[in-house]
mmCIF file of all heavy atoms, coordinates in Angstrom:
data_MODEL
# 
_entry.id   MODEL 
# 
loop_
_atom_site.group_PDB 
_atom_site.id 
_atom_site.type_symbol 
_atom_site.label_atom_id 
_atom_site.label_alt_id 
_atom_site.label_comp_id 
_atom_site.label_asym_id 
_atom_site.label_entity_id 
_atom_site.label_seq_id 
_atom_site.pdbx_PDB_ins_code 
_atom_site.Cartn_x 
_atom_site.Cartn_y 
_atom_site.Cartn_z 
_atom_site.occupancy 
_atom_site.B_iso_or_equiv 
_atom_site.pdbx_formal_charge 
_atom_site.auth_seq_id 
_atom_site.auth_comp_id 
_atom_site.auth_asym_id 
_atom_site.auth_atom_id 
_atom_site.pdbx_PDB_model_num 
ATOM 1   N N   . GLU A 1 1  ? -1.502 -1.025  -6.029  1.00 0.00 ? 1  GLU A N   1 
ATOM 2   C CA  . GLU A 1 1  ? -2.841 -0.544  -6.472  1.00 0.00 ? 1  GLU A CA  1 
ATOM 3   C C   . GLU A 1 1  ? -2.814 0.797   -7.252  1.00 0.00 ? 1  GLU A C   1 
ATOM 4   O O   . GLU A 1 1  ? -2.130 1.801   -6.840  1.00 0.00 ? 1  GLU A O   1 
ATOM 5   C CB  . GLU A 1 1  ? -3.539 -0.257  -5.134  1.00 0.00 ? 1  GLU A CB  1 
ATOM 6   C CG  . GLU A 1 1  ? -5.098 0.023   -5.230  1.00 0.00 ? 1  GLU A CG  1 
ATOM 7   C CD  . GLU A 1 1  ? -5.734 0.025   -3.874  1.00 0.00 ? 1  GLU A CD  1 
ATOM 8   O OE1 . GLU A 1 1  ? -5.595 1.140   -3.271  1.00 0.00 ? 1  GLU A OE1 1 
ATOM 9   O OE2 . GLU A 1 1  ? -6.402 -0.941  -3.392  1.00 0.00 ? 1  GLU A OE2 1 
ATOM 10  N N   . PHE A 1 2  ? -3.466 0.709   -8.406  1.00 0.00 ? 2  PHE A N   1 
ATOM 11  C CA  . PHE A 1 2  ? -3.438 1.874   -9.238  1.00 0.00 ? 2  PHE A CA  1 
ATOM 12  C C   . PHE A 1 2  ? -4.794 2.771   -8.820  1.00 0.00 ? 2  PHE A C   1 
ATOM 13  O O   . PHE A 1 2  ? -5.881 2.364   -8.977  1.00 0.00 ? 2  PHE A O   1 
ATOM 14  C CB  . PHE A 1 2  ? -3.817 1.492   -10.757 1.00 0.00 ? 2  PHE A CB  1 
ATOM 15  C CG  . PHE A 1 2  ? -2.486 0.805   -11.290 1.00 0.00 ? 2  PHE A CG  1 
ATOM 16  C CD1 . PHE A 1 2  ? -2.728 0.037   -12.586 1.00 0.00 ? 2  PHE A CD1 1 
ATOM 17  C CD2 . PHE A 1 2  ? -1.342 0.680   -10.560 1.00 0.00 ? 2  PHE A CD2 1 
ATOM 18  C CE1 . PHE A 1 2  ? -1.714 -0.665  -13.082 1.00 0.00 ? 2  PHE A CE1 1 
ATOM 19  C CE2 . PHE A 1 2  ? -0.238 0.067   -11.226 1.00 0.00 ? 2  PHE A CE2 1 
ATOM 20  C CZ  . PHE A 1 2  ? -0.448 -0.755  -12.447 1.00 0.00 ? 2  PHE A CZ  1 
ATOM 21  N N   . ARG A 1 3  ? -4.333 3.875   -8.199  1.00 0.00 ? 3  ARG A N   1 
ATOM 22  C CA  . ARG A 1 3  ? -5.437 4.767   -7.764  1.00 0.00 ? 3  ARG A CA  1 
ATOM 23  C C   . ARG A 1 3  ? -5.434 6.020   -8.423  1.00 0.00 ? 3  ARG A C   1 
ATOM 24  O O   . ARG A 1 3  ? -4.428 6.641   -8.852  1.00 0.00 ? 3  ARG A O   1 
ATOM 25  C CB  . ARG A 1 3  ? -5.432 5.070   -6.186  1.00 0.00 ? 3  ARG A CB  1 
ATOM 26  C CG  . ARG A 1 3  ? -5.406 3.750   -5.287  1.00 0.00 ? 3  ARG A CG  1 
ATOM 27  C CD  . ARG A 1 3  ? -5.209 4.295   -3.865  1.00 0.00 ? 3  ARG A CD  1 
ATOM 28  N NE  . ARG A 1 3  ? -4.743 3.370   -3.009  1.00 0.00 ? 3  ARG A NE  1 
ATOM 29  C CZ  . ARG A 1 3  ? -4.036 3.679   -1.959  1.00 0.00 ? 3  ARG A CZ  1 
ATOM 30  N NH1 . ARG A 1 3  ? -3.906 4.913   -1.443  1.00 0.00 ? 3  ARG A NH1 1 
ATOM 31  N NH2 . ARG A 1 3  ? -3.412 2.717   -1.216  1.00 0.00 ? 3  ARG A NH2 1 
ATOM 32  N N   . TYR A 1 4  ? -6.709 6.755   -8.639  1.00 0.00 ? 4  TYR A N   1 
ATOM 33  C CA  . TYR A 1 4  ? -6.642 8.054   -9.216  1.00 0.00 ? 4  TYR A CA  1 
ATOM 34  C C   . TYR A 1 4  ? -6.335 9.088   -8.204  1.00 0.00 ? 4  TYR A C   1 
ATOM 35  O O   . TYR A 1 4  ? -6.964 9.200   -7.152  1.00 0.00 ? 4  TYR A O   1 
ATOM 36  C CB  . TYR A 1 4  ? -8.100 8.274   -9.779  1.00 0.00 ? 4  TYR A CB  1 
ATOM 37  C CG  . TYR A 1 4  ? -8.111 9.422   -10.778 1.00 0.00 ? 4  TYR A CG  1 
ATOM 38  C CD1 . TYR A 1 4  ? -7.592 9.197   -12.134 1.00 0.00 ? 4  TYR A CD1 1 
ATOM 39  C CD2 . TYR A 1 4  ? -8.541 10.699  -10.486 1.00 0.00 ? 4  TYR A CD2 1 
ATOM 40  C CE1 . TYR A 1 4  ? -7.679 10.148  -13.078 1.00 0.00 ? 4  TYR A CE1 1 
ATOM 41  C CE2 . TYR A 1 4  ? -8.633 11.656  -11.520 1.00 0.00 ? 4  TYR A CE2 1 
ATOM 42  C CZ  . TYR A 1 4  ? -8.182 11.417  -12.727 1.00 0.00 ? 4  TYR A CZ  1 
ATOM 43  O OH  . TYR A 1 4  ? -8.132 12.482  -13.743 1.00 0.00 ? 4  TYR A OH  1 
ATOM 44  N N   . SER A 1 5  ? -5.512 9.958   -8.482  1.00 0.00 ? 5  SER A N   1 
ATOM 45  C CA  . SER A 1 5  ? -4.950 10.900  -7.552  1.00 0.00 ? 5  SER A CA  1 
ATOM 46  C C   . SER A 1 5  ? -4.508 12.250  -8.359  1.00 0.00 ? 5  SER A C   1 
ATOM 47  O O   . SER A 1 5  ? -3.669 12.169  -9.222  1.00 0.00 ? 5  SER A O   1 
ATOM 48  C CB  . SER A 1 5  ? -3.747 10.441  -6.730  1.00 0.00 ? 5  SER A CB  1 
ATOM 49  O OG  . SER A 1 5  ? -3.249 11.525  -5.805  1.00 0.00 ? 5  SER A OG  1 
ATOM 50  N N   . GLY A 1 6  ? -5.169 13.301  -8.086  1.00 0.00 ? 6  GLY A N   1 
ATOM 51  C CA  . GLY A 1 6  ? -4.837 14.592  -8.720  1.00 0.00 ? 6  GLY A CA  1 
ATOM 52  C C   . GLY A 1 6  ? -5.486 14.431  -10.269 1.00 0.00 ? 6  GLY A C   1 
ATOM 53  O O   . GLY A 1 6  ? -6.754 14.380  -10.181 1.00 0.00 ? 6  GLY A O   1 
ATOM 54  N N   . ASN A 1 7  ? -4.768 14.332  -11.165 1.00 0.00 ? 7  ASN A N   1 
ATOM 55  C CA  . ASN A 1 7  ? -5.282 14.259  -12.569 1.00 0.00 ? 7  ASN A CA  1 
ATOM 56  C C   . ASN A 1 7  ? -4.943 13.015  -13.207 1.00 0.00 ? 7  ASN A C   1 
ATOM 57  O O   . ASN A 1 7  ? -4.961 12.900  -14.472 1.00 0.00 ? 7  ASN A O   1 
ATOM 58  C CB  . ASN A 1 7  ? -4.905 15.386  -13.330 1.00 0.00 ? 7  ASN A CB  1 
ATOM 59  C CG  . ASN A 1 7  ? -3.348 15.557  -13.514 1.00 0.00 ? 7  ASN A CG  1 
ATOM 60  O OD1 . ASN A 1 7  ? -2.746 14.900  -12.828 1.00 0.00 ? 7  ASN A OD1 1 
ATOM 61  N ND2 . ASN A 1 7  ? -3.011 16.539  -14.338 1.00 0.00 ? 7  ASN A ND2 1 
ATOM 62  N N   . ARG A 1 8  ? -4.347 11.986  -12.527 1.00 0.00 ? 8  ARG A N   1 
ATOM 63  C CA  . ARG A 1 8  ? -4.028 10.754  -13.168 1.00 0.00 ? 8  ARG A CA  1 
ATOM 64  C C   . ARG A 1 8  ? -3.967 9.660   -12.193 1.00 0.00 ? 8  ARG A C   1 
ATOM 65  O O   . ARG A 1 8  ? -3.937 9.733   -10.994 1.00 0.00 ? 8  ARG A O   1 
ATOM 66  C CB  . ARG A 1 8  ? -2.565 10.941  -13.720 1.00 0.00 ? 8  ARG A CB  1 
ATOM 67  C CG  . ARG A 1 8  ? -1.566 11.261  -12.797 1.00 0.00 ? 8  ARG A CG  1 
ATOM 68  C CD  . ARG A 1 8  ? -0.206 11.645  -13.537 1.00 0.00 ? 8  ARG A CD  1 
ATOM 69  N NE  . ARG A 1 8  ? 0.353  10.507  -14.275 1.00 0.00 ? 8  ARG A NE  1 
ATOM 70  C CZ  . ARG A 1 8  ? 0.384  10.279  -15.564 1.00 0.00 ? 8  ARG A CZ  1 
ATOM 71  N NH1 . ARG A 1 8  ? -0.334 11.134  -16.298 1.00 0.00 ? 8  ARG A NH1 1 
ATOM 72  N NH2 . ARG A 1 8  ? 0.881  9.176   -16.022 1.00 0.00 ? 8  ARG A NH2 1 
ATOM 73  N N   . PHE A 1 9  ? -3.817 8.442   -12.676 1.00 0.00 ? 9  PHE A N   1 
ATOM 74  C CA  . PHE A 1 9  ? -3.705 7.272   -11.887 1.00 0.00 ? 9  PHE A CA  1 
ATOM 75  C C   . PHE A 1 9  ? -2.237 7.157   -11.403 1.00 0.00 ? 9  PHE A C   1 
ATOM 76  O O   . PHE A 1 9  ? -1.294 7.377   -12.282 1.00 0.00 ? 9  PHE A O   1 
ATOM 77  C CB  . PHE A 1 9  ? -4.133 5.979   -12.620 1.00 0.00 ? 9  PHE A CB  1 
ATOM 78  C CG  . PHE A 1 9  ? -5.597 5.781   -12.758 1.00 0.00 ? 9  PHE A CG  1 
ATOM 79  C CD1 . PHE A 1 9  ? -6.183 6.171   -13.785 1.00 0.00 ? 9  PHE A CD1 1 
ATOM 80  C CD2 . PHE A 1 9  ? -6.346 5.164   -11.771 1.00 0.00 ? 9  PHE A CD2 1 
ATOM 81  C CE1 . PHE A 1 9  ? -7.601 6.111   -14.018 1.00 0.00 ? 9  PHE A CE1 1 
ATOM 82  C CE2 . PHE A 1 9  ? -7.603 5.006   -11.876 1.00 0.00 ? 9  PHE A CE2 1 
ATOM 83  C CZ  . PHE A 1 9  ? -8.234 5.478   -13.011 1.00 0.00 ? 9  PHE A CZ  1 
ATOM 84  N N   . LYS A 1 10 ? -1.990 6.727   -10.176 1.00 0.00 ? 10 LYS A N   1 
ATOM 85  C CA  . LYS A 1 10 ? -0.625 6.434   -9.692  1.00 0.00 ? 10 LYS A CA  1 
ATOM 86  C C   . LYS A 1 10 ? -0.528 5.012   -8.927  1.00 0.00 ? 10 LYS A C   1 
ATOM 87  O O   . LYS A 1 10 ? -1.658 4.538   -8.478  1.00 0.00 ? 10 LYS A O   1 
ATOM 88  C CB  . LYS A 1 10 ? -0.301 7.616   -8.600  1.00 0.00 ? 10 LYS A CB  1 
ATOM 89  C CG  . LYS A 1 10 ? -0.224 8.918   -9.250  1.00 0.00 ? 10 LYS A CG  1 
ATOM 90  C CD  . LYS A 1 10 ? 0.035  10.106  -8.268  1.00 0.00 ? 10 LYS A CD  1 
ATOM 91  C CE  . LYS A 1 10 ? 0.175  11.406  -8.912  1.00 0.00 ? 10 LYS A CE  1 
ATOM 92  N NZ  . LYS A 1 10 ? 0.337  12.514  -7.932  1.00 0.00 ? 10 LYS A NZ  1 
ATOM 93  N N   . SER A 1 11 ? 0.639  4.490   -8.762  1.00 0.00 ? 11 SER A N   1 
ATOM 94  C CA  . SER A 1 11 ? 0.801  3.344   -8.092  1.00 0.00 ? 11 SER A CA  1 
ATOM 95  C C   . SER A 1 11 ? 0.967  3.478   -6.605  1.00 0.00 ? 11 SER A C   1 
ATOM 96  O O   . SER A 1 11 ? 1.785  4.237   -6.163  1.00 0.00 ? 11 SER A O   1 
ATOM 97  C CB  . SER A 1 11 ? 2.092  2.562   -8.725  1.00 0.00 ? 11 SER A CB  1 
ATOM 98  O OG  . SER A 1 11 ? 1.889  2.189   -9.976  1.00 0.00 ? 11 SER A OG  1 
ATOM 99  N N   . TYR A 1 12 ? 0.233  2.766   -5.742  1.00 0.00 ? 12 TYR A N   1 
ATOM 100 C CA  . TYR A 1 12 ? 0.232  2.918   -4.318  1.00 0.00 ? 12 TYR A CA  1 
ATOM 101 C C   . TYR A 1 12 ? 0.515  1.516   -3.675  1.00 0.00 ? 12 TYR A C   1 
ATOM 102 O O   . TYR A 1 12 ? 0.000  0.560   -4.112  1.00 0.00 ? 12 TYR A O   1 
ATOM 103 C CB  . TYR A 1 12 ? -1.049 3.402   -3.755  1.00 0.00 ? 12 TYR A CB  1 
ATOM 104 C CG  . TYR A 1 12 ? -1.107 4.905   -4.026  1.00 0.00 ? 12 TYR A CG  1 
ATOM 105 C CD1 . TYR A 1 12 ? -1.733 5.405   -5.202  1.00 0.00 ? 12 TYR A CD1 1 
ATOM 106 C CD2 . TYR A 1 12 ? -0.649 5.889   -3.021  1.00 0.00 ? 12 TYR A CD2 1 
ATOM 107 C CE1 . TYR A 1 12 ? -1.950 6.727   -5.339  1.00 0.00 ? 12 TYR A CE1 1 
ATOM 108 C CE2 . TYR A 1 12 ? -0.976 7.254   -3.275  1.00 0.00 ? 12 TYR A CE2 1 
ATOM 109 C CZ  . TYR A 1 12 ? -1.452 7.717   -4.449  1.00 0.00 ? 12 TYR A CZ  1 
ATOM 110 O OH  . TYR A 1 12 ? -1.704 9.018   -4.705  1.00 0.00 ? 12 TYR A OH  1 
ATOM 111 N N   . ILE A 1 13 ? 1.367  1.474   -2.673  1.00 0.00 ? 13 ILE A N   1 
ATOM 112 C CA  . ILE A 1 13 ? 1.365  0.354   -1.803  1.00 0.00 ? 13 ILE A CA  1 
ATOM 113 C C   . ILE A 1 13 ? 0.152  0.231   -1.019  1.00 0.00 ? 13 ILE A C   1 
ATOM 114 O O   . ILE A 1 13 ? -0.158 1.162   -0.286  1.00 0.00 ? 13 ILE A O   1 
ATOM 115 C CB  . ILE A 1 13 ? 2.688  0.362   -0.888  1.00 0.00 ? 13 ILE A CB  1 
ATOM 116 C CG1 . ILE A 1 13 ? 3.926  0.414   -1.777  1.00 0.00 ? 13 ILE A CG1 1 
ATOM 117 C CG2 . ILE A 1 13 ? 2.690  -0.872  0.012   1.00 0.00 ? 13 ILE A CG2 1 
ATOM 118 C CD1 . ILE A 1 13 ? 5.069  0.780   -0.937  1.00 0.00 ? 13 ILE A CD1 1 
ATOM 119 N N   . PRO A 1 14 ? -0.589 -0.915  -1.165  1.00 0.00 ? 14 PRO A N   1 
ATOM 120 C CA  . PRO A 1 14 ? -1.868 -0.932  -0.445  1.00 0.00 ? 14 PRO A CA  1 
ATOM 121 C C   . PRO A 1 14 ? -1.749 -1.117  1.162   1.00 0.00 ? 14 PRO A C   1 
ATOM 122 O O   . PRO A 1 14 ? -0.604 -1.609  1.611   1.00 0.00 ? 14 PRO A O   1 
ATOM 123 C CB  . PRO A 1 14 ? -2.593 -2.158  -1.069  1.00 0.00 ? 14 PRO A CB  1 
ATOM 124 C CG  . PRO A 1 14 ? -1.558 -2.933  -1.523  1.00 0.00 ? 14 PRO A CG  1 
ATOM 125 C CD  . PRO A 1 14 ? -0.433 -2.112  -1.980  1.00 0.00 ? 14 PRO A CD  1 
ATOM 126 N N   . ASN A 1 15 ? -2.695 -0.802  1.894   1.00 0.00 ? 15 ASN A N   1 
ATOM 127 C CA  . ASN A 1 15 ? -2.643 -0.946  3.372   1.00 0.00 ? 15 ASN A CA  1 
ATOM 128 C C   . ASN A 1 15 ? -2.360 -2.364  3.720   1.00 0.00 ? 15 ASN A C   1 
ATOM 129 O O   . ASN A 1 15 ? -1.746 -2.629  4.847   1.00 0.00 ? 15 ASN A O   1 
ATOM 130 C CB  . ASN A 1 15 ? -4.073 -0.404  3.823   1.00 0.00 ? 15 ASN A CB  1 
ATOM 131 C CG  . ASN A 1 15 ? -4.284 1.051   3.791   1.00 0.00 ? 15 ASN A CG  1 
ATOM 132 O OD1 . ASN A 1 15 ? -3.306 1.890   3.571   1.00 0.00 ? 15 ASN A OD1 1 
ATOM 133 N ND2 . ASN A 1 15 ? -5.499 1.369   3.715   1.00 0.00 ? 15 ASN A ND2 1 
ATOM 134 N N   . SER A 1 16 ? -2.915 -3.262  2.925   1.00 0.00 ? 16 SER A N   1 
ATOM 135 C CA  . SER A 1 16 ? -2.607 -4.729  3.338   1.00 0.00 ? 16 SER A CA  1 
ATOM 136 C C   . SER A 1 16 ? -1.003 -4.960  3.452   1.00 0.00 ? 16 SER A C   1 
ATOM 137 O O   . SER A 1 16 ? -0.755 -5.974  4.241   1.00 0.00 ? 16 SER A O   1 
ATOM 138 C CB  . SER A 1 16 ? -3.234 -5.664  2.376   1.00 0.00 ? 16 SER A CB  1 
ATOM 139 O OG  . SER A 1 16 ? -2.791 -5.382  1.011   1.00 0.00 ? 16 SER A OG  1 
ATOM 140 N N   . VAL A 1 17 ? -0.310 -4.458  2.637   1.00 0.00 ? 17 VAL A N   1 
ATOM 141 C CA  . VAL A 1 17 ? 1.096  -4.598  2.646   1.00 0.00 ? 17 VAL A CA  1 
ATOM 142 C C   . VAL A 1 17 ? 1.777  -4.111  3.948   1.00 0.00 ? 17 VAL A C   1 
ATOM 143 O O   . VAL A 1 17 ? 2.639  -4.615  4.521   1.00 0.00 ? 17 VAL A O   1 
ATOM 144 C CB  . VAL A 1 17 ? 1.777  -4.023  1.409   1.00 0.00 ? 17 VAL A CB  1 
ATOM 145 C CG1 . VAL A 1 17 ? 3.459  -4.076  1.683   1.00 0.00 ? 17 VAL A CG1 1 
ATOM 146 C CG2 . VAL A 1 17 ? 1.418  -4.788  0.068   1.00 0.00 ? 17 VAL A CG2 1 
ATOM 147 N N   . PHE A 1 18 ? 1.361  -2.956  4.272   1.00 0.00 ? 18 PHE A N   1 
ATOM 148 C CA  . PHE A 1 18 ? 1.837  -2.271  5.666   1.00 0.00 ? 18 PHE A CA  1 
ATOM 149 C C   . PHE A 1 18 ? 1.446  -3.365  6.763   1.00 0.00 ? 18 PHE A C   1 
ATOM 150 O O   . PHE A 1 18 ? 2.347  -3.482  7.680   1.00 0.00 ? 18 PHE A O   1 
ATOM 151 C CB  . PHE A 1 18 ? 1.142  -0.963  5.829   1.00 0.00 ? 18 PHE A CB  1 
ATOM 152 C CG  . PHE A 1 18 ? 1.612  0.011   5.002   1.00 0.00 ? 18 PHE A CG  1 
ATOM 153 C CD1 . PHE A 1 18 ? 1.164  0.256   3.660   1.00 0.00 ? 18 PHE A CD1 1 
ATOM 154 C CD2 . PHE A 1 18 ? 2.606  0.872   5.519   1.00 0.00 ? 18 PHE A CD2 1 
ATOM 155 C CE1 . PHE A 1 18 ? 1.693  1.307   2.928   1.00 0.00 ? 18 PHE A CE1 1 
ATOM 156 C CE2 . PHE A 1 18 ? 3.202  2.002   4.714   1.00 0.00 ? 18 PHE A CE2 1 
ATOM 157 C CZ  . PHE A 1 18 ? 2.734  2.199   3.482   1.00 0.00 ? 18 PHE A CZ  1 
ATOM 158 N N   . LYS A 1 19 ? 0.224  -3.878  6.773   1.00 0.00 ? 19 LYS A N   1 
ATOM 159 C CA  . LYS A 1 19 ? -0.089 -4.836  7.898   1.00 0.00 ? 19 LYS A CA  1 
ATOM 160 C C   . LYS A 1 19 ? 0.693  -6.092  7.792   1.00 0.00 ? 19 LYS A C   1 
ATOM 161 O O   . LYS A 1 19 ? 1.146  -6.602  8.784   1.00 0.00 ? 19 LYS A O   1 
ATOM 162 C CB  . LYS A 1 19 ? -1.640 -5.248  7.652   1.00 0.00 ? 19 LYS A CB  1 
ATOM 163 C CG  . LYS A 1 19 ? -2.509 -4.168  8.002   1.00 0.00 ? 19 LYS A CG  1 
ATOM 164 C CD  . LYS A 1 19 ? -4.095 -4.479  7.771   1.00 0.00 ? 19 LYS A CD  1 
ATOM 165 C CE  . LYS A 1 19 ? -5.027 -3.400  8.007   1.00 0.00 ? 19 LYS A CE  1 
ATOM 166 N NZ  . LYS A 1 19 ? -6.415 -3.823  7.710   1.00 0.00 ? 19 LYS A NZ  1 
ATOM 167 N N   . THR A 1 20 ? 1.005  -6.578  6.541   1.00 0.00 ? 20 THR A N   1 
ATOM 168 C CA  . THR A 1 20 ? 1.779  -7.787  6.353   1.00 0.00 ? 20 THR A CA  1 
ATOM 169 C C   . THR A 1 20 ? 3.247  -7.494  6.897   1.00 0.00 ? 20 THR A C   1 
ATOM 170 O O   . THR A 1 20 ? 3.693  -8.372  7.645   1.00 0.00 ? 20 THR A O   1 
ATOM 171 C CB  . THR A 1 20 ? 1.971  -8.209  4.889   1.00 0.00 ? 20 THR A CB  1 
ATOM 172 O OG1 . THR A 1 20 ? 0.611  -8.388  4.355   1.00 0.00 ? 20 THR A OG1 1 
ATOM 173 C CG2 . THR A 1 20 ? 2.859  -9.337  4.710   1.00 0.00 ? 20 THR A CG2 1 
ATOM 174 N N   . ILE A 1 21 ? 3.803  -6.460  6.598   1.00 0.00 ? 21 ILE A N   1 
ATOM 175 C CA  . ILE A 1 21 ? 5.107  -6.099  7.044   1.00 0.00 ? 21 ILE A CA  1 
ATOM 176 C C   . ILE A 1 21 ? 5.139  -6.054  8.633   1.00 0.00 ? 21 ILE A C   1 
ATOM 177 O O   . ILE A 1 21 ? 6.041  -6.507  9.348   1.00 0.00 ? 21 ILE A O   1 
ATOM 178 C CB  . ILE A 1 21 ? 5.613  -4.655  6.505   1.00 0.00 ? 21 ILE A CB  1 
ATOM 179 C CG1 . ILE A 1 21 ? 5.912  -4.896  5.057   1.00 0.00 ? 21 ILE A CG1 1 
ATOM 180 C CG2 . ILE A 1 21 ? 6.916  -4.264  7.238   1.00 0.00 ? 21 ILE A CG2 1 
ATOM 181 C CD1 . ILE A 1 21 ? 6.299  -3.564  4.300   1.00 0.00 ? 21 ILE A CD1 1 
ATOM 182 N N   . ASN A 1 22 ? 4.224  -5.353  9.247   1.00 0.00 ? 22 ASN A N   1 
ATOM 183 C CA  . ASN A 1 22 ? 4.078  -5.291  10.688  1.00 0.00 ? 22 ASN A CA  1 
ATOM 184 C C   . ASN A 1 22 ? 4.093  -6.706  11.302  1.00 0.00 ? 22 ASN A C   1 
ATOM 185 O O   . ASN A 1 22 ? 4.659  -7.029  12.320  1.00 0.00 ? 22 ASN A O   1 
ATOM 186 C CB  . ASN A 1 22 ? 2.985  -4.401  11.089  1.00 0.00 ? 22 ASN A CB  1 
ATOM 187 C CG  . ASN A 1 22 ? 3.334  -2.914  11.326  1.00 0.00 ? 22 ASN A CG  1 
ATOM 188 O OD1 . ASN A 1 22 ? 3.947  -2.631  12.201  1.00 0.00 ? 22 ASN A OD1 1 
ATOM 189 N ND2 . ASN A 1 22 ? 2.797  -2.256  10.218  1.00 0.00 ? 22 ASN A ND2 1 
ATOM 190 N N   . ASN A 1 23 ? 3.322  -7.563  10.702  1.00 0.00 ? 23 ASN A N   1 
ATOM 191 C CA  . ASN A 1 23 ? 3.094  -8.918  11.232  1.00 0.00 ? 23 ASN A CA  1 
ATOM 192 C C   . ASN A 1 23 ? 4.379  -9.790  11.117  1.00 0.00 ? 23 ASN A C   1 
ATOM 193 O O   . ASN A 1 23 ? 4.719  -10.535 11.914  1.00 0.00 ? 23 ASN A O   1 
ATOM 194 C CB  . ASN A 1 23 ? 2.003  -9.594  10.514  1.00 0.00 ? 23 ASN A CB  1 
ATOM 195 C CG  . ASN A 1 23 ? 0.623  -9.105  10.802  1.00 0.00 ? 23 ASN A CG  1 
ATOM 196 O OD1 . ASN A 1 23 ? 0.410  -8.556  11.832  1.00 0.00 ? 23 ASN A OD1 1 
ATOM 197 N ND2 . ASN A 1 23 ? -0.369 -9.424  9.912   1.00 0.00 ? 23 ASN A ND2 1 
ATOM 198 N N   . LYS A 1 24 ? 5.156  -9.552  9.956   1.00 0.00 ? 24 LYS A N   1 
ATOM 199 C CA  . LYS A 1 24 ? 6.456  -10.093 9.813   1.00 0.00 ? 24 LYS A CA  1 
ATOM 200 C C   . LYS A 1 24 ? 7.468  -9.726  10.764  1.00 0.00 ? 24 LYS A C   1 
ATOM 201 O O   . LYS A 1 24 ? 8.224  -10.469 11.296  1.00 0.00 ? 24 LYS A O   1 
ATOM 202 C CB  . LYS A 1 24 ? 6.975  -9.897  8.257   1.00 0.00 ? 24 LYS A CB  1 
ATOM 203 C CG  . LYS A 1 24 ? 6.300  -10.580 7.271   1.00 0.00 ? 24 LYS A CG  1 
ATOM 204 C CD  . LYS A 1 24 ? 7.022  -10.423 5.902   1.00 0.00 ? 24 LYS A CD  1 
ATOM 205 C CE  . LYS A 1 24 ? 6.464  -11.218 4.809   1.00 0.00 ? 24 LYS A CE  1 
ATOM 206 N NZ  . LYS A 1 24 ? 7.165  -11.061 3.529   1.00 0.00 ? 24 LYS A NZ  1 
ATOM 207 N N   . LEU A 1 25 ? 7.453  -8.389  11.090  1.00 0.00 ? 25 LEU A N   1 
ATOM 208 C CA  . LEU A 1 25 ? 8.470  -7.797  12.102  1.00 0.00 ? 25 LEU A CA  1 
ATOM 209 C C   . LEU A 1 25 ? 8.072  -8.167  13.599  1.00 0.00 ? 25 LEU A C   1 
ATOM 210 O O   . LEU A 1 25 ? 8.957  -8.099  14.396  1.00 0.00 ? 25 LEU A O   1 
ATOM 211 C CB  . LEU A 1 25 ? 8.686  -6.341  11.817  1.00 0.00 ? 25 LEU A CB  1 
ATOM 212 C CG  . LEU A 1 25 ? 9.163  -6.031  10.358  1.00 0.00 ? 25 LEU A CG  1 
ATOM 213 C CD1 . LEU A 1 25 ? 9.317  -4.589  10.281  1.00 0.00 ? 25 LEU A CD1 1 
ATOM 214 C CD2 . LEU A 1 25 ? 10.594 -6.690  10.242  1.00 0.00 ? 25 LEU A CD2 1 
ATOM 215 N N   . ASP A 1 26 ? 6.889  -8.419  13.794  1.00 0.00 ? 26 ASP A N   1 
ATOM 216 C CA  . ASP A 1 26 ? 6.433  -8.677  15.215  1.00 0.00 ? 26 ASP A CA  1 
ATOM 217 C C   . ASP A 1 26 ? 7.237  -9.834  15.835  1.00 0.00 ? 26 ASP A C   1 
ATOM 218 O O   . ASP A 1 26 ? 7.320  -9.773  17.023  1.00 0.00 ? 26 ASP A O   1 
ATOM 219 C CB  . ASP A 1 26 ? 4.817  -8.920  15.321  1.00 0.00 ? 26 ASP A CB  1 
ATOM 220 C CG  . ASP A 1 26 ? 4.094  -7.623  15.274  1.00 0.00 ? 26 ASP A CG  1 
ATOM 221 O OD1 . ASP A 1 26 ? 4.724  -6.519  15.601  1.00 0.00 ? 26 ASP A OD1 1 
ATOM 222 O OD2 . ASP A 1 26 ? 2.865  -7.620  14.894  1.00 0.00 ? 26 ASP A OD2 1 
ATOM 223 N N   . ILE A 1 27 ? 7.593  -10.825 15.089  1.00 0.00 ? 27 ILE A N   1 
ATOM 224 C CA  . ILE A 1 27 ? 8.245  -12.004 15.571  1.00 0.00 ? 27 ILE A CA  1 
ATOM 225 C C   . ILE A 1 27 ? 9.520  -11.688 16.218  1.00 0.00 ? 27 ILE A C   1 
ATOM 226 O O   . ILE A 1 27 ? 10.064 -12.553 16.882  1.00 0.00 ? 27 ILE A O   1 
ATOM 227 C CB  . ILE A 1 27 ? 8.266  -13.106 14.529  1.00 0.00 ? 27 ILE A CB  1 
ATOM 228 C CG1 . ILE A 1 27 ? 9.341  -12.775 13.461  1.00 0.00 ? 27 ILE A CG1 1 
ATOM 229 C CG2 . ILE A 1 27 ? 6.918  -13.531 14.056  1.00 0.00 ? 27 ILE A CG2 1 
ATOM 230 C CD1 . ILE A 1 27 ? 9.685  -13.833 12.504  1.00 0.00 ? 27 ILE A CD1 1 
# 
């Protein structure tokens, strides 16, 4: 996700990916 932070856009891993990883590891 390209989000504006400080004085420019930066690439961020979105919250949905964190949830996906947790679901994958829960098994």
